[in-house]
PDB file of N, CA and C in Angstrom:
ATOM      1  N   MET A   1      30.278  -7.426   9.532  1.00  0.00           N
ATOM      2  CA  MET A   1      29.375  -6.364   9.999  1.00  0.00           C
ATOM      3  C   MET A   1      29.422  -5.235   8.988  1.00  0.00           C
ATOM      4  N   THR A   2      28.367  -4.454   9.009  1.00  0.00           N
ATOM      5  CA  THR A   2      28.327  -3.272   8.208  1.00  0.00           C
ATOM      6  C   THR A   2      28.593  -2.050   9.060  1.00  0.00           C
ATOM      7  N   ASP A   3      28.948  -0.949   8.406  1.00  0.00           N
ATOM      8  CA  ASP A   3      29.033   0.318   9.089  1.00  0.00           C
ATOM      9  C   ASP A   3      27.666   0.722   9.398  1.00  0.00           C
ATOM     10  N   VAL A   4      27.401   1.197  10.602  1.00  0.00           N
ATOM     11  CA  VAL A   4      26.021   1.522  10.996  1.00  0.00           C
ATOM     12  C   VAL A   4      25.886   3.001  11.143  1.00  0.00           C
ATOM     13  N   VAL A   5      24.852   3.575  10.482  1.00  0.00           N
ATOM     14  CA  VAL A   5      24.530   4.927  10.655  1.00  0.00           C
ATOM     15  C   VAL A   5      23.080   4.978  11.052  1.00  0.00           C
ATOM     16  N   ILE A   6      22.790   5.237  12.345  1.00  0.00           N
ATOM     17  CA  ILE A   6      21.495   5.270  12.840  1.00  0.00           C
ATOM     18  C   ILE A   6      20.813   6.616  12.526  1.00  0.00           C
ATOM     19  N   GLN A   7      19.783   6.541  11.762  1.00  0.00           N
ATOM     20  CA  GLN A   7      19.046   7.732  11.405  1.00  0.00           C
ATOM     21  C   GLN A   7      18.304   8.293  12.538  1.00  0.00           C
ATOM     22  N   GLU A   8      18.365   9.619  12.657  1.00  0.00           N
ATOM     23  CA  GLU A   8      17.661  10.304  13.765  1.00  0.00           C
ATOM     24  C   GLU A   8      16.222   9.967  13.770  1.00  0.00           C
ATOM     25  N   GLY A   9      15.699   9.647  14.959  1.00  0.00           N
ATOM     26  CA  GLY A   9      14.258   9.355  15.098  1.00  0.00           C
ATOM     27  C   GLY A   9      13.911   7.937  14.668  1.00  0.00           C
ATOM     28  N   MET A  10      14.931   7.065  14.409  1.00  0.00           N
ATOM     29  CA  MET A  10      14.670   5.670  14.035  1.00  0.00           C
ATOM     30  C   MET A  10      15.303   4.714  14.994  1.00  0.00           C
ATOM     31  N   LYS A  11      14.568   3.645  15.323  1.00  0.00           N
ATOM     32  CA  LYS A  11      15.073   2.629  16.178  1.00  0.00           C
ATOM     33  C   LYS A  11      16.227   1.886  15.455  1.00  0.00           C
ATOM     34  N   GLU A  12      17.061   1.308  16.269  1.00  0.00           N
ATOM     35  CA  GLU A  12      18.228   0.502  15.761  1.00  0.00           C
ATOM     36  C   GLU A  12      17.676  -0.799  15.194  1.00  0.00           C
ATOM     37  N   VAL A  13      18.251  -1.192  14.069  1.00  0.00           N
ATOM     38  CA  VAL A  13      17.859  -2.468  13.384  1.00  0.00           C
ATOM     39  C   VAL A  13      19.131  -3.367  13.402  1.00  0.00           C
ATOM     40  N   ARG A  14      18.965  -4.533  13.933  1.00  0.00           N
ATOM     41  CA  ARG A  14      19.992  -5.499  13.870  1.00  0.00           C
ATOM     42  C   ARG A  14      19.563  -6.765  13.192  1.00  0.00           C
ATOM     43  N   ILE A  15      20.352  -7.317  12.330  1.00  0.00           N
ATOM     44  CA  ILE A  15      19.985  -8.536  11.628  1.00  0.00           C
ATOM     45  C   ILE A  15      21.090  -9.545  11.797  1.00  0.00           C
ATOM     46  N   TYR A  16      20.718 -10.684  12.356  1.00  0.00           N
ATOM     47  CA  TYR A  16      21.654 -11.750  12.625  1.00  0.00           C
ATOM     48  C   TYR A  16      21.647 -12.676  11.421  1.00  0.00           C
ATOM     49  N   VAL A  17      22.787 -12.986  10.869  1.00  0.00           N
ATOM     50  CA  VAL A  17      22.945 -13.673   9.609  1.00  0.00           C
ATOM     51  C   VAL A  17      23.992 -14.780   9.635  1.00  0.00           C
ATOM     52  N   THR A  18      24.025 -15.631   8.704  1.00  0.00           N
ATOM     53  CA  THR A  18      25.153 -16.502   8.396  1.00  0.00           C
ATOM     54  C   THR A  18      25.679 -16.233   7.039  1.00  0.00           C
ATOM     55  N   SER A  19      26.872 -16.741   6.792  1.00  0.00           N
ATOM     56  CA  SER A  19      27.585 -16.409   5.483  1.00  0.00           C
ATOM     57  C   SER A  19      26.895 -16.996   4.246  1.00  0.00           C
ATOM     58  N   ARG A  20      26.130 -18.153   4.394  1.00  0.00           N
ATOM     59  CA  ARG A  20      25.574 -18.784   3.253  1.00  0.00           C
ATOM     60  C   ARG A  20      23.999 -18.856   3.397  1.00  0.00           C
ATOM     61  N   CYS A  21      23.419 -17.701   3.398  1.00  0.00           N
ATOM     62  CA  CYS A  21      21.966 -17.664   3.709  1.00  0.00           C
ATOM     63  C   CYS A  21      21.300 -16.684   2.659  1.00  0.00           C
ATOM     64  N   GLY A  22      20.509 -17.342   1.781  1.00  0.00           N
ATOM     65  CA  GLY A  22      19.794 -16.477   0.750  1.00  0.00           C
ATOM     66  C   GLY A  22      18.767 -15.539   1.404  1.00  0.00           C
ATOM     67  N   TYR A  23      18.014 -16.045   2.424  1.00  0.00           N
ATOM     68  CA  TYR A  23      17.050 -15.176   3.056  1.00  0.00           C
ATOM     69  C   TYR A  23      17.740 -13.985   3.701  1.00  0.00           C
ATOM     70  N   CYS A  24      18.930 -14.182   4.251  1.00  0.00           N
ATOM     71  CA  CYS A  24      19.653 -13.080   4.872  1.00  0.00           C
ATOM     72  C   CYS A  24      19.966 -12.014   3.837  1.00  0.00           C
ATOM     73  N   VAL A  25      20.393 -12.409   2.619  1.00  0.00           N
ATOM     74  CA  VAL A  25      20.729 -11.510   1.556  1.00  0.00           C
ATOM     75  C   VAL A  25      19.439 -10.732   1.185  1.00  0.00           C
ATOM     76  N   MET A  26      18.323 -11.452   1.072  1.00  0.00           N
ATOM     77  CA  MET A  26      17.078 -10.823   0.720  1.00  0.00           C
ATOM     78  C   MET A  26      16.578  -9.793   1.766  1.00  0.00           C
ATOM     79  N   ALA A  27      16.815 -10.114   3.055  1.00  0.00           N
ATOM     80  CA  ALA A  27      16.399  -9.219   4.124  1.00  0.00           C
ATOM     81  C   ALA A  27      17.250  -7.975   4.058  1.00  0.00           C
ATOM     82  N   LYS A  28      18.541  -8.109   3.873  1.00  0.00           N
ATOM     83  CA  LYS A  28      19.430  -6.953   3.776  1.00  0.00           C
ATOM     84  C   LYS A  28      19.099  -6.061   2.620  1.00  0.00           C
ATOM     85  N   ARG A  29      18.775  -6.745   1.471  1.00  0.00           N
ATOM     86  CA  ARG A  29      18.402  -5.981   0.299  1.00  0.00           C
ATOM     87  C   ARG A  29      17.163  -5.202   0.445  1.00  0.00           C
ATOM     88  N   LEU A  30      16.162  -5.779   1.104  1.00  0.00           N
ATOM     89  CA  LEU A  30      14.924  -5.103   1.413  1.00  0.00           C
ATOM     90  C   LEU A  30      15.192  -3.879   2.270  1.00  0.00           C
ATOM     91  N   LEU A  31      15.992  -4.013   3.344  1.00  0.00           N
ATOM     92  CA  LEU A  31      16.306  -2.901   4.217  1.00  0.00           C
ATOM     93  C   LEU A  31      16.986  -1.801   3.430  1.00  0.00           C
ATOM     94  N   GLU A  32      17.982  -2.207   2.597  1.00  0.00           N
ATOM     95  CA  GLU A  32      18.714  -1.252   1.838  1.00  0.00           C
ATOM     96  C   GLU A  32      17.881  -0.533   0.817  1.00  0.00           C
ATOM     97  N   SER A  33      16.885  -1.220   0.239  1.00  0.00           N
ATOM     98  CA  SER A  33      16.038  -0.633  -0.750  1.00  0.00           C
ATOM     99  C   SER A  33      15.136   0.449  -0.102  1.00  0.00           C
ATOM    100  N   ARG A  34      14.833   0.296   1.208  1.00  0.00           N
ATOM    101  CA  ARG A  34      14.083   1.268   1.961  1.00  0.00           C
ATOM    102  C   ARG A  34      14.956   2.295   2.663  1.00  0.00           C
ATOM    103  N   GLU A  35      16.244   2.272   2.396  1.00  0.00           N
ATOM    104  CA  GLU A  35      17.259   3.104   3.063  1.00  0.00           C
ATOM    105  C   GLU A  35      17.164   3.074   4.560  1.00  0.00           C
ATOM    106  N   ILE A  36      17.029   1.774   5.085  1.00  0.00           N
ATOM    107  CA  ILE A  36      16.965   1.586   6.529  1.00  0.00           C
ATOM    108  C   ILE A  36      18.334   1.137   6.952  1.00  0.00           C
ATOM    109  N   ALA A  37      18.950   1.894   7.809  1.00  0.00           N
ATOM    110  CA  ALA A  37      20.281   1.521   8.371  1.00  0.00           C
ATOM    111  C   ALA A  37      20.175   0.292   9.228  1.00  0.00           C
ATOM    112  N   TYR A  38      21.097  -0.600   9.141  1.00  0.00           N
ATOM    113  CA  TYR A  38      21.084  -1.790   9.987  1.00  0.00           C
ATOM    114  C   TYR A  38      22.484  -2.231  10.304  1.00  0.00           C
ATOM    115  N   GLU A  39      22.571  -3.079  11.364  1.00  0.00           N
ATOM    116  CA  GLU A  39      23.810  -3.738  11.698  1.00  0.00           C
ATOM    117  C   GLU A  39      23.606  -5.193  11.430  1.00  0.00           C
ATOM    118  N   ALA A  40      24.509  -5.751  10.574  1.00  0.00           N
ATOM    119  CA  ALA A  40      24.513  -7.195  10.294  1.00  0.00           C
ATOM    120  C   ALA A  40      25.492  -7.893  11.174  1.00  0.00           C
ATOM    121  N   ILE A  41      25.064  -8.863  11.877  1.00  0.00           N
ATOM    122  CA  ILE A  41      25.875  -9.610  12.816  1.00  0.00           C
ATOM    123  C   ILE A  41      25.934 -11.060  12.330  1.00  0.00           C
ATOM    124  N   ASP A  42      27.161 -11.493  11.927  1.00  0.00           N
ATOM    125  CA  ASP A  42      27.300 -12.841  11.404  1.00  0.00           C
ATOM    126  C   ASP A  42      27.541 -13.822  12.571  1.00  0.00           C
ATOM    127  N   VAL A  43      26.626 -14.765  12.693  1.00  0.00           N
ATOM    128  CA  VAL A  43      26.731 -15.773  13.724  1.00  0.00           C
ATOM    129  C   VAL A  43      27.192 -17.173  13.229  1.00  0.00           C
ATOM    130  N   SER A  44      27.782 -17.142  12.029  1.00  0.00           N
ATOM    131  CA  SER A  44      28.235 -18.397  11.386  1.00  0.00           C
ATOM    132  C   SER A  44      29.136 -19.199  12.250  1.00  0.00           C
ATOM    133  N   THR A  45      30.058 -18.517  12.952  1.00  0.00           N
ATOM    134  CA  THR A  45      31.079 -19.265  13.737  1.00  0.00           C
ATOM    135  C   THR A  45      31.068 -18.854  15.176  1.00  0.00           C
ATOM    136  N   ASP A  46      30.024 -18.202  15.623  1.00  0.00           N
ATOM    137  CA  ASP A  46      29.951 -17.689  16.999  1.00  0.00           C
ATOM    138  C   ASP A  46      28.859 -18.485  17.740  1.00  0.00           C
ATOM    139  N   ASN A  47      29.255 -19.592  18.380  1.00  0.00           N
ATOM    140  CA  ASN A  47      28.323 -20.480  19.007  1.00  0.00           C
ATOM    141  C   ASN A  47      27.592 -19.801  20.188  1.00  0.00           C
ATOM    142  N   ASP A  48      28.284 -19.010  20.929  1.00  0.00           N
ATOM    143  CA  ASP A  48      27.722 -18.328  22.088  1.00  0.00           C
ATOM    144  C   ASP A  48      26.640 -17.365  21.656  1.00  0.00           C
ATOM    145  N   ARG A  49      26.959 -16.565  20.633  1.00  0.00           N
ATOM    146  CA  ARG A  49      25.983 -15.627  20.154  1.00  0.00           C
ATOM    147  C   ARG A  49      24.804 -16.359  19.491  1.00  0.00           C
ATOM    148  N   ARG A  50      25.063 -17.457  18.853  1.00  0.00           N
ATOM    149  CA  ARG A  50      23.966 -18.292  18.197  1.00  0.00           C
ATOM    150  C   ARG A  50      23.016 -18.769  19.337  1.00  0.00           C
ATOM    151  N   ARG A  51      23.614 -19.230  20.431  1.00  0.00           N
ATOM    152  CA  ARG A  51      22.787 -19.732  21.543  1.00  0.00           C
ATOM    153  C   ARG A  51      21.894 -18.579  22.090  1.00  0.00           C
ATOM    154  N   TRP A  52      22.567 -17.441  22.270  1.00  0.00           N
ATOM    155  CA  TRP A  52      21.818 -16.263  22.755  1.00  0.00           C
ATOM    156  C   TRP A  52      20.687 -15.871  21.811  1.00  0.00           C
ATOM    157  N   LEU A  53      20.951 -16.011  20.547  1.00  0.00           N
ATOM    158  CA  LEU A  53      19.947 -15.670  19.517  1.00  0.00           C
ATOM    159  C   LEU A  53      18.727 -16.575  19.607  1.00  0.00           C
ATOM    160  N   VAL A  54      18.928 -17.831  19.812  1.00  0.00           N
ATOM    161  CA  VAL A  54      17.815 -18.833  19.987  1.00  0.00           C
ATOM    162  C   VAL A  54      17.040 -18.473  21.195  1.00  0.00           C
ATOM    163  N   GLU A  55      17.707 -18.129  22.310  1.00  0.00           N
ATOM    164  CA  GLU A  55      17.027 -17.756  23.532  1.00  0.00           C
ATOM    165  C   GLU A  55      16.215 -16.443  23.350  1.00  0.00           C
ATOM    166  N   ALA A  56      16.844 -15.482  22.684  1.00  0.00           N
ATOM    167  CA  ALA A  56      16.215 -14.163  22.551  1.00  0.00           C
ATOM    168  C   ALA A  56      15.042 -14.157  21.549  1.00  0.00           C
ATOM    169  N   SER A  57      15.188 -14.964  20.510  1.00  0.00           N
ATOM    170  CA  SER A  57      14.181 -14.889  19.458  1.00  0.00           C
ATOM    171  C   SER A  57      13.185 -16.115  19.511  1.00  0.00           C
ATOM    172  N   GLY A  58      13.635 -17.182  20.147  1.00  0.00           N
ATOM    173  CA  GLY A  58      12.844 -18.398  20.129  1.00  0.00           C
ATOM    174  C   GLY A  58      12.927 -19.161  18.812  1.00  0.00           C
ATOM    175  N   GLN A  59      13.833 -18.725  17.962  1.00  0.00           N
ATOM    176  CA  GLN A  59      13.997 -19.349  16.586  1.00  0.00           C
ATOM    177  C   GLN A  59      15.450 -19.910  16.404  1.00  0.00           C
ATOM    178  N   ARG A  60      15.603 -20.894  15.627  1.00  0.00           N
ATOM    179  CA  ARG A  60      16.999 -21.402  15.319  1.00  0.00           C
ATOM    180  C   ARG A  60      17.440 -21.013  13.898  1.00  0.00           C
ATOM    181  N   THR A  61      16.598 -20.415  13.178  1.00  0.00           N
ATOM    182  CA  THR A  61      16.933 -20.009  11.763  1.00  0.00           C
ATOM    183  C   THR A  61      17.426 -18.562  11.673  1.00  0.00           C
ATOM    184  N   VAL A  62      18.079 -18.303  10.572  1.00  0.00           N
ATOM    185  CA  VAL A  62      18.485 -16.917  10.259  1.00  0.00           C
ATOM    186  C   VAL A  62      17.890 -16.567   8.921  1.00  0.00           C
ATOM    187  N   PRO A  63      17.690 -15.332   8.734  1.00  0.00           N
ATOM    188  CA  PRO A  63      17.969 -14.243   9.493  1.00  0.00           C
ATOM    189  C   PRO A  63      17.023 -14.040  10.682  1.00  0.00           C
ATOM    190  N   GLN A  64      17.506 -13.423  11.753  1.00  0.00           N
ATOM    191  CA  GLN A  64      16.594 -13.003  12.801  1.00  0.00           C
ATOM    192  C   GLN A  64      16.851 -11.478  12.926  1.00  0.00           C
ATOM    193  N   ILE A  65      15.750 -10.831  12.914  1.00  0.00           N
ATOM    194  CA  ILE A  65      15.797  -9.331  12.811  1.00  0.00           C
ATOM    195  C   ILE A  65      15.210  -8.769  14.079  1.00  0.00           C
ATOM    196  N   PHE A  66      15.871  -7.786  14.621  1.00  0.00           N
ATOM    197  CA  PHE A  66      15.420  -7.032  15.779  1.00  0.00           C
ATOM    198  C   PHE A  66      15.323  -5.601  15.457  1.00  0.00           C
ATOM    199  N   ILE A  67      14.184  -5.013  15.852  1.00  0.00           N
ATOM    200  CA  ILE A  67      14.021  -3.556  15.738  1.00  0.00           C
ATOM    201  C   ILE A  67      13.927  -3.045  17.150  1.00  0.00           C
ATOM    202  N   GLY A  68      14.893  -2.238  17.503  1.00  0.00           N
ATOM    203  CA  GLY A  68      15.047  -1.894  18.925  1.00  0.00           C
ATOM    204  C   GLY A  68      15.364  -3.216  19.658  1.00  0.00           C
ATOM    205  N   ASP A  69      14.615  -3.456  20.727  1.00  0.00           N
ATOM    206  CA  ASP A  69      14.811  -4.725  21.475  1.00  0.00           C
ATOM    207  C   ASP A  69      13.859  -5.767  21.072  1.00  0.00           C
ATOM    208  N   LYS A  70      13.009  -5.545  20.086  1.00  0.00           N
ATOM    209  CA  LYS A  70      11.932  -6.467  19.733  1.00  0.00           C
ATOM    210  C   LYS A  70      12.347  -7.397  18.571  1.00  0.00           C
ATOM    211  N   SER A  71      12.219  -8.679  18.717  1.00  0.00           N
ATOM    212  CA  SER A  71      12.470  -9.613  17.690  1.00  0.00           C
ATOM    213  C   SER A  71      11.200  -9.639  16.789  1.00  0.00           C
ATOM    214  N   ILE A  72      11.463  -9.399  15.487  1.00  0.00           N
ATOM    215  CA  ILE A  72      10.281  -9.416  14.534  1.00  0.00           C
ATOM    216  C   ILE A  72      10.252 -10.694  13.719  1.00  0.00           C
ATOM    217  N   GLY A  73      11.249 -11.510  13.797  1.00  0.00           N
ATOM    218  CA  GLY A  73      11.354 -12.761  13.047  1.00  0.00           C
ATOM    219  C   GLY A  73      12.326 -12.666  11.930  1.00  0.00           C
ATOM    220  N   GLY A  74      12.042 -13.333  10.817  1.00  0.00           N
ATOM    221  CA  GLY A  74      12.979 -13.403   9.741  1.00  0.00           C
ATOM    222  C   GLY A  74      12.566 -12.596   8.502  1.00  0.00           C
ATOM    223  N   TYR A  75      13.040 -13.018   7.322  1.00  0.00           N
ATOM    224  CA  TYR A  75      12.760 -12.320   6.113  1.00  0.00           C
ATOM    225  C   TYR A  75      11.286 -12.193   5.789  1.00  0.00           C
ATOM    226  N   GLN A  76      10.553 -13.342   5.947  1.00  0.00           N
ATOM    227  CA  GLN A  76       9.156 -13.320   5.586  1.00  0.00           C
ATOM    228  C   GLN A  76       8.342 -12.355   6.482  1.00  0.00           C
ATOM    229  N   GLU A  77       8.680 -12.255   7.747  1.00  0.00           N
ATOM    230  CA  GLU A  77       7.961 -11.343   8.643  1.00  0.00           C
ATOM    231  C   GLU A  77       8.342  -9.927   8.294  1.00  0.00           C
ATOM    232  N   LEU A  78       9.666  -9.698   8.003  1.00  0.00           N
ATOM    233  CA  LEU A  78      10.057  -8.371   7.640  1.00  0.00           C
ATOM    234  C   LEU A  78       9.348  -7.871   6.324  1.00  0.00           C
ATOM    235  N   SER A  79       9.278  -8.772   5.325  1.00  0.00           N
ATOM    236  CA  SER A  79       8.584  -8.501   4.090  1.00  0.00           C
ATOM    237  C   SER A  79       7.097  -8.169   4.307  1.00  0.00           C
ATOM    238  N   ALA A  80       6.475  -8.945   5.173  1.00  0.00           N
ATOM    239  CA  ALA A  80       5.055  -8.717   5.451  1.00  0.00           C
ATOM    240  C   ALA A  80       4.849  -7.399   6.130  1.00  0.00           C
ATOM    241  N   LEU A  81       5.737  -7.049   7.064  1.00  0.00           N
ATOM    242  CA  LEU A  81       5.642  -5.733   7.720  1.00  0.00           C
ATOM    243  C   LEU A  81       5.841  -4.616   6.718  1.00  0.00           C
ATOM    244  N   ASP A  82       6.751  -4.743   5.794  1.00  0.00           N
ATOM    245  CA  ASP A  82       6.962  -3.775   4.788  1.00  0.00           C
ATOM    246  C   ASP A  82       5.726  -3.648   3.896  1.00  0.00           C
ATOM    247  N   ARG A  83       5.158  -4.732   3.433  1.00  0.00           N
ATOM    248  CA  ARG A  83       3.997  -4.671   2.546  1.00  0.00           C
ATOM    249  C   ARG A  83       2.829  -4.024   3.215  1.00  0.00           C
ATOM    250  N   SER A  84       2.630  -4.283   4.481  1.00  0.00           N
ATOM    251  CA  SER A  84       1.466  -3.727   5.220  1.00  0.00           C
ATOM    252  C   SER A  84       1.643  -2.273   5.666  1.00  0.00           C
ATOM    253  N   GLY A  85       2.884  -1.829   5.601  1.00  0.00           N
ATOM    254  CA  GLY A  85       3.115  -0.419   6.035  1.00  0.00           C
ATOM    255  C   GLY A  85       3.558  -0.346   7.507  1.00  0.00           C
ATOM    256  N   ASP A  86       3.457  -1.459   8.223  1.00  0.00           N
ATOM    257  CA  ASP A  86       3.753  -1.467   9.635  1.00  0.00           C
ATOM    258  C   ASP A  86       5.251  -1.293   9.948  1.00  0.00           C
ATOM    259  N   LEU A  87       6.098  -1.647   8.977  1.00  0.00           N
ATOM    260  CA  LEU A  87       7.539  -1.518   9.241  1.00  0.00           C
ATOM    261  C   LEU A  87       7.882  -0.105   9.555  1.00  0.00           C
ATOM    262  N   ALA A  88       7.410   0.798   8.752  1.00  0.00           N
ATOM    263  CA  ALA A  88       7.774   2.267   8.994  1.00  0.00           C
ATOM    264  C   ALA A  88       7.297   2.687  10.369  1.00  0.00           C
ATOM    265  N   ASP A  89       6.175   2.227  10.793  1.00  0.00           N
ATOM    266  CA  ASP A  89       5.685   2.610  12.146  1.00  0.00           C
ATOM    267  C   ASP A  89       6.587   2.006  13.233  1.00  0.00           C
ATOM    268  N   MET A  90       6.990   0.797  13.043  1.00  0.00           N
ATOM    269  CA  MET A  90       7.818   0.085  14.033  1.00  0.00           C
ATOM    270  C   MET A  90       9.180   0.787  14.147  1.00  0.00           C
ATOM    271  N   LEU A  91       9.666   1.377  13.091  1.00  0.00           N
ATOM    272  CA  LEU A  91      10.997   2.024  13.152  1.00  0.00           C
ATOM    273  C   LEU A  91      11.048   3.347  13.848  1.00  0.00           C
ATOM    274  N   LYS A  92       9.870   3.966  13.998  1.00  0.00           N
ATOM    275  CA  LYS A  92       9.863   5.265  14.701  1.00  0.00           C
ATOM    276  C   LYS A  92      10.239   5.113  16.111  1.00  0.00           C
ATOM    277  N   ASP A  93      11.146   6.052  16.543  1.00  0.00           N
ATOM    278  CA  ASP A  93      11.646   6.029  17.878  1.00  0.00           C
ATOM    279  C   ASP A  93      10.709   6.692  18.839  1.00  0.00           C
TER     280      ASP A  93
END
């Protein structure tokens, strides 16, 4: 996990990852490049949390990214939100 510093006026961002996931790395880099604080949660060896993630997101792949309580999908969805400008709006508290 990373140290998390929630920026004032910004929703919490959680990213569920595994240790050998290129898209997870790309998603974290995108968030870091935009100076968006996030919590990375490694589900590589946590079967209970992995089951919860499938139930919560409807997806079996990682990364799975949540902004506040909303699942936004994985890296491709995050990247599309960033390109469209909608990511900044979603982060507002």
